[in-house]
């Protein structure tokens, strides 16, 4: 498991955790990351708090989208980036 996966695993069911709380949990697991790396992987704490209110429904939809992309995370991410740039 790489550092980004470790961050996602810690935050998976705890979007309310601050960057420092995530760093502390990862440090207990022997993984050292910076706050900026956490923001790159998960987004800012403020945005995560906003998402937490409807994250269950979005997570289900994200899982469905990932399955449609053949469970290829990189492909799914690239498709989302492409969709974001092609908005009318």
C-alpha atoms as a PDB file:
ATOM      1  CA  UNK A   1       0.000   0.000   0.000  1.00  0.00           C
ATOM      2  CA  UNK A   2       1.396   3.397  -0.951  1.00  0.00           C
ATOM      3  CA  UNK A   3       1.062   6.595   1.102  1.00  0.00           C
ATOM      4  CA  UNK A   4      -1.961   7.874  -0.825  1.00  0.00           C
ATOM      5  CA  UNK A   5      -3.793   4.587  -0.259  1.00  0.00           C
ATOM      6  CA  UNK A   6      -2.925   4.735   3.443  1.00  0.00           C
ATOM      7  CA  UNK A   7      -4.380   8.259   3.667  1.00  0.00           C
ATOM      8  CA  UNK A   8      -7.577   7.171   1.906  1.00  0.00           C
ATOM      9  CA  UNK A   9      -7.901   4.161   4.202  1.00  0.00           C
ATOM     10  CA  UNK A  10      -7.622   6.292   7.350  1.00  0.00           C
ATOM     11  CA  UNK A  11     -10.104   8.867   6.061  1.00  0.00           C
ATOM     12  CA  UNK A  12     -12.476   6.370   4.448  1.00  0.00           C
ATOM     13  CA  UNK A  13     -15.064   6.474   7.207  1.00  0.00           C
ATOM     14  CA  UNK A  14     -13.806   9.587   8.981  1.00  0.00           C
ATOM     15  CA  UNK A  15     -13.978  12.585   6.644  1.00  0.00           C
ATOM     16  CA  UNK A  16     -14.206  14.848   9.688  1.00  0.00           C
ATOM     17  CA  UNK A  17     -10.607  14.127  10.788  1.00  0.00           C
ATOM     18  CA  UNK A  18      -8.224  17.058  10.530  1.00  0.00           C
ATOM     19  CA  UNK A  19      -4.974  16.760   8.601  1.00  0.00           C
ATOM     20  CA  UNK A  20      -3.060  16.570  11.890  1.00  0.00           C
ATOM     21  CA  UNK A  21      -5.275  13.740  13.145  1.00  0.00           C
ATOM     22  CA  UNK A  22      -4.714  11.849   9.897  1.00  0.00           C
ATOM     23  CA  UNK A  23      -0.948  12.424  10.160  1.00  0.00           C
ATOM     24  CA  UNK A  24      -0.945  11.170  13.757  1.00  0.00           C
ATOM     25  CA  UNK A  25      -2.841   8.011  12.844  1.00  0.00           C
ATOM     26  CA  UNK A  26      -0.532   7.331   9.915  1.00  0.00           C
ATOM     27  CA  UNK A  27       2.527   7.992  12.091  1.00  0.00           C
ATOM     28  CA  UNK A  28       1.252   5.253  14.454  1.00  0.00           C
ATOM     29  CA  UNK A  29       1.247   2.970  11.418  1.00  0.00           C
ATOM     30  CA  UNK A  30       4.786   3.991  10.490  1.00  0.00           C
ATOM     31  CA  UNK A  31       3.807   6.210   7.565  1.00  0.00           C
ATOM     32  CA  UNK A  32       5.000   9.828   7.492  1.00  0.00           C
ATOM     33  CA  UNK A  33       3.137  12.303   5.274  1.00  0.00           C
ATOM     34  CA  UNK A  34       2.804  16.073   5.063  1.00  0.00           C
ATOM     35  CA  UNK A  35      -0.402  18.079   5.330  1.00  0.00           C
ATOM     36  CA  UNK A  36       0.014  19.222   1.743  1.00  0.00           C
ATOM     37  CA  UNK A  37       0.159  15.605   0.577  1.00  0.00           C
ATOM     38  CA  UNK A  38      -3.068  14.881   2.488  1.00  0.00           C
ATOM     39  CA  UNK A  39      -4.713  17.878   0.789  1.00  0.00           C
ATOM     40  CA  UNK A  40      -3.513  16.611  -2.608  1.00  0.00           C
ATOM     41  CA  UNK A  41      -5.034  13.193  -1.948  1.00  0.00           C
ATOM     42  CA  UNK A  42      -8.259  14.095  -0.106  1.00  0.00           C
ATOM     43  CA  UNK A  43      -8.814  17.798  -0.566  1.00  0.00           C
ATOM     44  CA  UNK A  44      -8.881  20.388   2.184  1.00  0.00           C
ATOM     45  CA  UNK A  45     -10.404  19.680   5.574  1.00  0.00           C
ATOM     46  CA  UNK A  46     -13.050  22.340   4.923  1.00  0.00           C
ATOM     47  CA  UNK A  47     -14.141  20.622   1.708  1.00  0.00           C
ATOM     48  CA  UNK A  48     -14.120  17.207   3.396  1.00  0.00           C
ATOM     49  CA  UNK A  49     -16.451  18.534   6.111  1.00  0.00           C
ATOM     50  CA  UNK A  50     -18.834  19.839   3.472  1.00  0.00           C
ATOM     51  CA  UNK A  51     -18.793  16.482   1.701  1.00  0.00           C
ATOM     52  CA  UNK A  52     -19.341  14.451   4.853  1.00  0.00           C
ATOM     53  CA  UNK A  53     -23.034  15.380   4.999  1.00  0.00           C
ATOM     54  CA  UNK A  54     -23.765  13.546   1.755  1.00  0.00           C
ATOM     55  CA  UNK A  55     -20.723  11.328   1.436  1.00  0.00           C
ATOM     56  CA  UNK A  56     -22.585   8.020   1.816  1.00  0.00           C
ATOM     57  CA  UNK A  57     -24.640   8.581  -1.337  1.00  0.00           C
ATOM     58  CA  UNK A  58     -21.667   9.987  -3.223  1.00  0.00           C
ATOM     59  CA  UNK A  59     -19.464   7.082  -2.175  1.00  0.00           C
ATOM     60  CA  UNK A  60     -21.977   4.621  -3.614  1.00  0.00           C
ATOM     61  CA  UNK A  61     -22.108   6.555  -6.863  1.00  0.00           C
ATOM     62  CA  UNK A  62     -18.305   6.774  -6.941  1.00  0.00           C
ATOM     63  CA  UNK A  63     -18.060   3.018  -6.459  1.00  0.00           C
ATOM     64  CA  UNK A  64     -20.498   2.502  -9.324  1.00  0.00           C
ATOM     65  CA  UNK A  65     -18.471   4.871 -11.528  1.00  0.00           C
ATOM     66  CA  UNK A  66     -15.239   3.114 -10.596  1.00  0.00           C
ATOM     67  CA  UNK A  67     -16.822  -0.226 -11.511  1.00  0.00           C
ATOM     68  CA  UNK A  68     -17.879   1.247 -14.880  1.00  0.00           C
ATOM     69  CA  UNK A  69     -14.236   2.234 -15.400  1.00  0.00           C
ATOM     70  CA  UNK A  70     -13.200  -1.376 -14.851  1.00  0.00           C
ATOM     71  CA  UNK A  71     -12.029  -0.640 -11.277  1.00  0.00           C
ATOM     72  CA  UNK A  72      -9.165   1.345 -12.780  1.00  0.00           C
ATOM     73  CA  UNK A  73      -8.704   4.285 -10.397  1.00  0.00           C
ATOM     74  CA  UNK A  74      -6.377   6.197 -12.724  1.00  0.00           C
ATOM     75  CA  UNK A  75      -8.802   5.874 -15.630  1.00  0.00           C
ATOM     76  CA  UNK A  76     -11.723   6.999 -13.471  1.00  0.00           C
ATOM     77  CA  UNK A  77      -9.745   9.996 -12.181  1.00  0.00           C
ATOM     78  CA  UNK A  78      -8.731  10.960 -15.723  1.00  0.00           C
ATOM     79  CA  UNK A  79     -12.325  10.684 -16.927  1.00  0.00           C
ATOM     80  CA  UNK A  80     -13.474  12.953 -14.093  1.00  0.00           C
ATOM     81  CA  UNK A  81     -10.771  15.484 -14.944  1.00  0.00           C
ATOM     82  CA  UNK A  82     -11.806  15.354 -18.599  1.00  0.00           C
ATOM     83  CA  UNK A  83     -15.473  15.819 -17.668  1.00  0.00           C
ATOM     84  CA  UNK A  84     -14.580  18.806 -15.486  1.00  0.00           C
ATOM     85  CA  UNK A  85     -12.748  20.535 -18.343  1.00  0.00           C
ATOM     86  CA  UNK A  86     -15.545  19.921 -20.848  1.00  0.00           C
ATOM     87  CA  UNK A  87     -18.325  21.551 -18.855  1.00  0.00           C
ATOM     88  CA  UNK A  88     -20.543  23.840 -20.904  1.00  0.00           C
END
